[in-house]
C-alpha atoms as a PDB file:
ATOM      1  CA  UNK A   1     -12.512 -20.710  33.823  1.00  0.00           C
ATOM      2  CA  UNK A   2     -11.380 -19.957  37.347  1.00  0.00           C
ATOM      3  CA  UNK A   3     -11.120 -16.278  38.313  1.00  0.00           C
ATOM      4  CA  UNK A   4      -8.895 -14.826  41.012  1.00  0.00           C
ATOM      5  CA  UNK A   5      -9.666 -11.390  42.406  1.00  0.00           C
ATOM      6  CA  UNK A   6      -6.127 -10.316  43.093  1.00  0.00           C
ATOM      7  CA  UNK A   7      -4.249  -7.397  44.614  1.00  0.00           C
ATOM      8  CA  UNK A   8      -0.630  -7.677  43.423  1.00  0.00           C
ATOM      9  CA  UNK A   9       0.576  -5.582  46.385  1.00  0.00           C
ATOM     10  CA  UNK A  10      -0.749  -8.155  48.877  1.00  0.00           C
ATOM     11  CA  UNK A  11       1.505 -11.046  49.922  1.00  0.00           C
ATOM     12  CA  UNK A  12      -1.436 -13.377  50.626  1.00  0.00           C
ATOM     13  CA  UNK A  13      -2.938 -12.573  47.247  1.00  0.00           C
ATOM     14  CA  UNK A  14       0.368 -13.307  45.489  1.00  0.00           C
ATOM     15  CA  UNK A  15       0.572 -16.614  47.402  1.00  0.00           C
ATOM     16  CA  UNK A  16      -2.912 -17.555  46.189  1.00  0.00           C
ATOM     17  CA  UNK A  17      -2.032 -16.788  42.572  1.00  0.00           C
ATOM     18  CA  UNK A  18       1.207 -18.771  42.877  1.00  0.00           C
ATOM     19  CA  UNK A  19      -0.726 -21.735  44.311  1.00  0.00           C
ATOM     20  CA  UNK A  20      -2.981 -21.721  41.228  1.00  0.00           C
ATOM     21  CA  UNK A  21       0.031 -21.543  38.910  1.00  0.00           C
ATOM     22  CA  UNK A  22       1.865 -24.291  40.814  1.00  0.00           C
ATOM     23  CA  UNK A  23      -1.176 -26.547  40.327  1.00  0.00           C
ATOM     24  CA  UNK A  24      -0.994 -25.887  36.580  1.00  0.00           C
ATOM     25  CA  UNK A  25      -4.452 -24.313  36.581  1.00  0.00           C
ATOM     26  CA  UNK A  26      -5.632 -21.560  34.293  1.00  0.00           C
ATOM     27  CA  UNK A  27      -7.207 -18.539  35.904  1.00  0.00           C
ATOM     28  CA  UNK A  28      -8.375 -15.136  34.816  1.00  0.00           C
ATOM     29  CA  UNK A  29      -6.507 -12.680  37.051  1.00  0.00           C
ATOM     30  CA  UNK A  30      -8.589  -9.656  37.997  1.00  0.00           C
ATOM     31  CA  UNK A  31      -6.736  -6.788  39.653  1.00  0.00           C
ATOM     32  CA  UNK A  32      -9.804  -5.484  41.438  1.00  0.00           C
ATOM     33  CA  UNK A  33      -7.969  -2.394  42.697  1.00  0.00           C
ATOM     34  CA  UNK A  34      -7.281  -1.168  39.143  1.00  0.00           C
ATOM     35  CA  UNK A  35     -10.467  -2.667  37.678  1.00  0.00           C
ATOM     36  CA  UNK A  36     -13.156  -2.208  40.335  1.00  0.00           C
ATOM     37  CA  UNK A  37     -15.806  -4.835  40.881  1.00  0.00           C
ATOM     38  CA  UNK A  38     -19.383  -3.801  40.140  1.00  0.00           C
ATOM     39  CA  UNK A  39     -22.095  -4.075  42.793  1.00  0.00           C
ATOM     40  CA  UNK A  40     -23.766  -6.921  40.887  1.00  0.00           C
ATOM     41  CA  UNK A  41     -20.488  -8.786  40.504  1.00  0.00           C
ATOM     42  CA  UNK A  42     -19.677  -8.407  44.203  1.00  0.00           C
ATOM     43  CA  UNK A  43     -23.168  -9.591  45.184  1.00  0.00           C
ATOM     44  CA  UNK A  44     -22.624 -12.681  43.034  1.00  0.00           C
ATOM     45  CA  UNK A  45     -19.203 -13.327  44.604  1.00  0.00           C
ATOM     46  CA  UNK A  46     -20.602 -12.985  48.136  1.00  0.00           C
ATOM     47  CA  UNK A  47     -23.415 -15.405  47.260  1.00  0.00           C
ATOM     48  CA  UNK A  48     -20.912 -17.947  45.865  1.00  0.00           C
ATOM     49  CA  UNK A  49     -18.819 -17.582  49.023  1.00  0.00           C
ATOM     50  CA  UNK A  50     -21.906 -18.320  51.125  1.00  0.00           C
ATOM     51  CA  UNK A  51     -21.147 -15.307  53.304  1.00  0.00           C
ATOM     52  CA  UNK A  52     -22.615 -11.962  54.228  1.00  0.00           C
ATOM     53  CA  UNK A  53     -20.802  -8.891  52.894  1.00  0.00           C
ATOM     54  CA  UNK A  54     -19.571  -7.934  56.377  1.00  0.00           C
ATOM     55  CA  UNK A  55     -17.772 -11.304  56.531  1.00  0.00           C
ATOM     56  CA  UNK A  56     -15.436 -10.355  53.674  1.00  0.00           C
ATOM     57  CA  UNK A  57     -14.411  -6.988  55.146  1.00  0.00           C
ATOM     58  CA  UNK A  58     -10.758  -6.520  56.087  1.00  0.00           C
ATOM     59  CA  UNK A  59     -11.360  -5.144  59.567  1.00  0.00           C
ATOM     60  CA  UNK A  60      -7.657  -4.465  60.137  1.00  0.00           C
ATOM     61  CA  UNK A  61      -7.656  -1.720  57.480  1.00  0.00           C
ATOM     62  CA  UNK A  62      -7.277   1.802  58.845  1.00  0.00           C
ATOM     63  CA  UNK A  63     -10.272   3.085  56.851  1.00  0.00           C
ATOM     64  CA  UNK A  64     -12.481   0.451  58.487  1.00  0.00           C
ATOM     65  CA  UNK A  65     -11.189   1.175  61.994  1.00  0.00           C
ATOM     66  CA  UNK A  66     -11.606   4.946  61.648  1.00  0.00           C
ATOM     67  CA  UNK A  67     -14.852   5.143  59.677  1.00  0.00           C
ATOM     68  CA  UNK A  68     -16.843   1.917  59.825  1.00  0.00           C
ATOM     69  CA  UNK A  69     -16.092   0.002  63.017  1.00  0.00           C
ATOM     70  CA  UNK A  70     -19.168  -0.316  65.205  1.00  0.00           C
ATOM     71  CA  UNK A  71     -21.548   0.865  62.474  1.00  0.00           C
ATOM     72  CA  UNK A  72     -24.530  -1.224  61.467  1.00  0.00           C
ATOM     73  CA  UNK A  73     -25.076  -1.344  57.723  1.00  0.00           C
ATOM     74  CA  UNK A  74     -27.402  -3.460  55.615  1.00  0.00           C
ATOM     75  CA  UNK A  75     -25.925  -6.019  53.216  1.00  0.00           C
ATOM     76  CA  UNK A  76     -26.679  -3.649  50.329  1.00  0.00           C
ATOM     77  CA  UNK A  77     -24.882  -0.798  52.098  1.00  0.00           C
ATOM     78  CA  UNK A  78     -21.852  -3.020  52.750  1.00  0.00           C
ATOM     79  CA  UNK A  79     -21.760  -3.960  49.055  1.00  0.00           C
ATOM     80  CA  UNK A  80     -21.678  -0.262  48.122  1.00  0.00           C
ATOM     81  CA  UNK A  81     -18.971   0.443  50.717  1.00  0.00           C
ATOM     82  CA  UNK A  82     -16.828  -2.425  49.442  1.00  0.00           C
ATOM     83  CA  UNK A  83     -17.228  -1.389  45.805  1.00  0.00           C
ATOM     84  CA  UNK A  84     -16.210   2.167  46.706  1.00  0.00           C
ATOM     85  CA  UNK A  85     -13.318   0.944  48.924  1.00  0.00           C
ATOM     86  CA  UNK A  86     -11.960  -2.225  47.270  1.00  0.00           C
ATOM     87  CA  UNK A  87      -8.975  -2.425  49.637  1.00  0.00           C
ATOM     88  CA  UNK A  88     -11.496  -3.479  52.308  1.00  0.00           C
ATOM     89  CA  UNK A  89     -12.270  -6.733  50.461  1.00  0.00           C
ATOM     90  CA  UNK A  90     -10.599  -9.907  51.774  1.00  0.00           C
ATOM     91  CA  UNK A  91      -8.156 -11.310  49.276  1.00  0.00           C
ATOM     92  CA  UNK A  92      -7.606 -13.217  47.224  1.00  0.00           C
ATOM     93  CA  UNK A  93     -11.039 -14.472  46.278  1.00  0.00           C
ATOM     94  CA  UNK A  94     -11.084 -17.360  43.827  1.00  0.00           C
ATOM     95  CA  UNK A  95     -14.276 -18.162  41.908  1.00  0.00           C
ATOM     96  CA  UNK A  96     -15.027 -21.340  39.959  1.00  0.00           C
ATOM     97  CA  UNK A  97     -18.476 -21.663  38.369  1.00  0.00           C
ATOM     98  CA  UNK A  98     -20.965 -21.768  41.266  1.00  0.00           C
ATOM     99  CA  UNK A  99     -18.605 -21.565  44.242  1.00  0.00           C
ATOM    100  CA  UNK A 100     -15.944 -19.229  45.606  1.00  0.00           C
ATOM    101  CA  UNK A 101     -13.383 -19.229  48.412  1.00  0.00           C
ATOM    102  CA  UNK A 102     -11.217 -16.712  50.172  1.00  0.00           C
ATOM    103  CA  UNK A 103      -7.793 -18.242  49.527  1.00  0.00           C
ATOM    104  CA  UNK A 104      -6.351 -17.649  52.978  1.00  0.00           C
ATOM    105  CA  UNK A 105      -4.596 -20.010  53.248  1.00  0.00           C
ATOM    106  CA  UNK A 106      -4.024 -20.737  49.539  1.00  0.00           C
ATOM    107  CA  UNK A 107      -4.933 -24.398  50.126  1.00  0.00           C
ATOM    108  CA  UNK A 108      -8.579 -23.261  50.384  1.00  0.00           C
ATOM    109  CA  UNK A 109      -8.486 -23.244  46.570  1.00  0.00           C
ATOM    110  CA  UNK A 110      -8.522 -27.048  46.724  1.00  0.00           C
ATOM    111  CA  UNK A 111     -12.195 -26.790  47.746  1.00  0.00           C
ATOM    112  CA  UNK A 112     -12.939 -25.636  44.188  1.00  0.00           C
ATOM    113  CA  UNK A 113     -11.132 -28.517  42.455  1.00  0.00           C
END
């Protein structure tokens, strides 16, 4: 089953979830702000995205700009930072079996179908 890592307070995340529903698809909705992602789970998601952890960081977030911008961290350190600060994770992320996409725009979900 498809999973969507969703932040209900985010317009883009709500658009991604609506896109899935409009397509008539079933998806497990994971509010990763209320139910944090584990380090192992995030490592798996990053691998399925085919990206490095730094590539899924929301660099426009104030916490990033004040505390992390310009710092060099290892992939493992970024994973820990993202798990501890889930608002820094790009959203929504949609996972289907062995692949994942950042659903910005929501049409990116079509890559999983």
